[in-house]
C-alpha atoms as a PDB file:
ATOM      1  CA  MET A   1     101.179  84.171  67.880  1.00  0.00           C
ATOM      2  CA  THR A   2      99.113  84.614  71.010  1.00  0.00           C
ATOM      3  CA  ARG A   3      96.702  87.521  71.065  1.00  0.00           C
ATOM      4  CA  GLY A   4      98.110  90.572  72.867  1.00  0.00           C
ATOM      5  CA  ILE A   5     101.728  89.449  72.875  1.00  0.00           C
ATOM      6  CA  SER A   6     104.052  90.888  70.286  1.00  0.00           C
ATOM      7  CA  ALA A   7     107.174  89.170  68.953  1.00  0.00           C
ATOM      8  CA  ASP A   8     108.866  92.585  68.916  1.00  0.00           C
ATOM      9  CA  PRO A   9     110.283  93.298  72.403  1.00  0.00           C
ATOM     10  CA  GLN A  10     109.987  97.072  71.945  1.00  0.00           C
ATOM     11  CA  LYS A  11     106.292  96.813  71.052  1.00  0.00           C
ATOM     12  CA  GLU A  12     105.749  94.527  74.037  1.00  0.00           C
ATOM     13  CA  LEU A  13     107.291  97.099  76.398  1.00  0.00           C
ATOM     14  CA  GLU A  14     105.120  99.844  74.913  1.00  0.00           C
ATOM     15  CA  ARG A  15     102.002  97.680  75.302  1.00  0.00           C
ATOM     16  CA  ARG A  16     102.822  96.966  78.942  1.00  0.00           C
ATOM     17  CA  LYS A  17     103.390 100.661  79.624  1.00  0.00           C
ATOM     18  CA  ARG A  18     100.025 101.580  78.042  1.00  0.00           C
ATOM     19  CA  GLN A  19      98.231  98.932  80.102  1.00  0.00           C
ATOM     20  CA  SER A  20      99.978 100.070  83.264  1.00  0.00           C
ATOM     21  CA  GLU A  21      98.985 103.698  82.666  1.00  0.00           C
ATOM     22  CA  ALA A  22      95.391 102.679  81.973  1.00  0.00           C
ATOM     23  CA  GLN A  23      95.136 100.928  85.370  1.00  0.00           C
ATOM     24  CA  LYS A  24      96.735 103.662  87.488  1.00  0.00           C
ATOM     25  CA  GLY A  25      94.379 105.276  89.961  1.00  0.00           C
ATOM     26  CA  LYS A  26      91.815 102.478  89.747  1.00  0.00           C
ATOM     27  CA  HIS A  27      90.918 100.607  92.922  1.00  0.00           C
ATOM     28  CA  PRO A  28      88.803  97.485  93.305  1.00  0.00           C
ATOM     29  CA  SER A  29      85.317  97.993  94.724  1.00  0.00           C
ATOM     30  CA  GLU A  30      84.412  96.723  98.191  1.00  0.00           C
ATOM     31  CA  GLU A  31      82.437  93.914  96.570  1.00  0.00           C
ATOM     32  CA  THR A  32      85.425  92.846  94.469  1.00  0.00           C
ATOM     33  CA  ARG A  33      87.706  92.947  97.497  1.00  0.00           C
ATOM     34  CA  ARG A  34      85.241  90.801  99.438  1.00  0.00           C
ATOM     35  CA  LYS A  35      85.050  88.271  96.596  1.00  0.00           C
ATOM     36  CA  ILE A  36      88.839  88.048  96.367  1.00  0.00           C
ATOM     37  CA  GLY A  37      89.049  87.533 100.129  1.00  0.00           C
ATOM     38  CA  GLU A  38      86.428  84.788 100.025  1.00  0.00           C
ATOM     39  CA  ALA A  39      88.226  83.036  97.155  1.00  0.00           C
ATOM     40  CA  LYS A  40      91.490  82.988  99.097  1.00  0.00           C
ATOM     41  CA  LYS A  41      90.051  81.707 102.369  1.00  0.00           C
ATOM     42  CA  GLY A  42      90.949  78.138 103.194  1.00  0.00           C
ATOM     43  CA  ARG A  43      93.846  77.918 100.743  1.00  0.00           C
ATOM     44  CA  ILE A  44      96.621  75.584 101.803  1.00  0.00           C
ATOM     45  CA  VAL A  45     100.050  77.169 101.459  1.00  0.00           C
ATOM     46  CA  SER A  46     103.216  75.052 101.343  1.00  0.00           C
ATOM     47  CA  GLU A  47     105.931  75.406 103.998  1.00  0.00           C
ATOM     48  CA  GLU A  48     108.290  76.818 101.375  1.00  0.00           C
ATOM     49  CA  THR A  49     105.790  79.530 100.468  1.00  0.00           C
ATOM     50  CA  ARG A  50     105.202  80.307 104.150  1.00  0.00           C
ATOM     51  CA  ARG A  51     108.963  80.759 104.642  1.00  0.00           C
ATOM     52  CA  LYS A  52     109.201  83.063 101.635  1.00  0.00           C
ATOM     53  CA  MET A  53     106.259  85.143 102.853  1.00  0.00           C
ATOM     54  CA  SER A  54     107.757  85.364 106.334  1.00  0.00           C
ATOM     55  CA  THR A  55     111.120  86.531 104.983  1.00  0.00           C
ATOM     56  CA  SER A  56     109.453  89.075 102.732  1.00  0.00           C
ATOM     57  CA  HIS A  57     107.342  90.497 105.569  1.00  0.00           C
ATOM     58  CA  LYS A  58     110.384  90.741 107.834  1.00  0.00           C
ATOM     59  CA  LYS A  59     112.293  92.666 105.162  1.00  0.00           C
ATOM     60  CA  ALA A  60     109.362  95.025 104.626  1.00  0.00           C
ATOM     61  CA  LYS A  61     109.078  95.620 108.363  1.00  0.00           C
ATOM     62  CA  ARG A  62     112.793  96.509 108.528  1.00  0.00           C
ATOM     63  CA  ARG A  63     112.413  98.906 105.589  1.00  0.00           C
ATOM     64  CA  VAL A  64     109.539 100.724 107.290  1.00  0.00           C
ATOM     65  CA  LYS A  65     111.409 100.890 110.579  1.00  0.00           C
ATOM     66  CA  LYS A  66     114.439 102.298 108.757  1.00  0.00           C
ATOM     67  CA  LEU A  67     112.277 105.016 107.160  1.00  0.00           C
ATOM     68  CA  ILE A  68     110.647 105.986 110.446  1.00  0.00           C
ATOM     69  CA  THR A  69     113.747 106.214 112.648  1.00  0.00           C
ATOM     70  CA  PRO A  70     115.813 109.373 112.165  1.00  0.00           C
END
């Protein structure tokens, strides 16, 4: 058995909930954000991934527009 993963589905759900609660309200520092940005620069993304990202962004834009308009 791998460390941190339970064979019991109920225990696994409880563990995930505890971890989620522990992370709520925490935000990465400016330094961490900069490091993440630097690590992602220059990455080559496949055409399929670009299409998926484009579709996702379009959907999000529509959702926001729908919330704003009365």
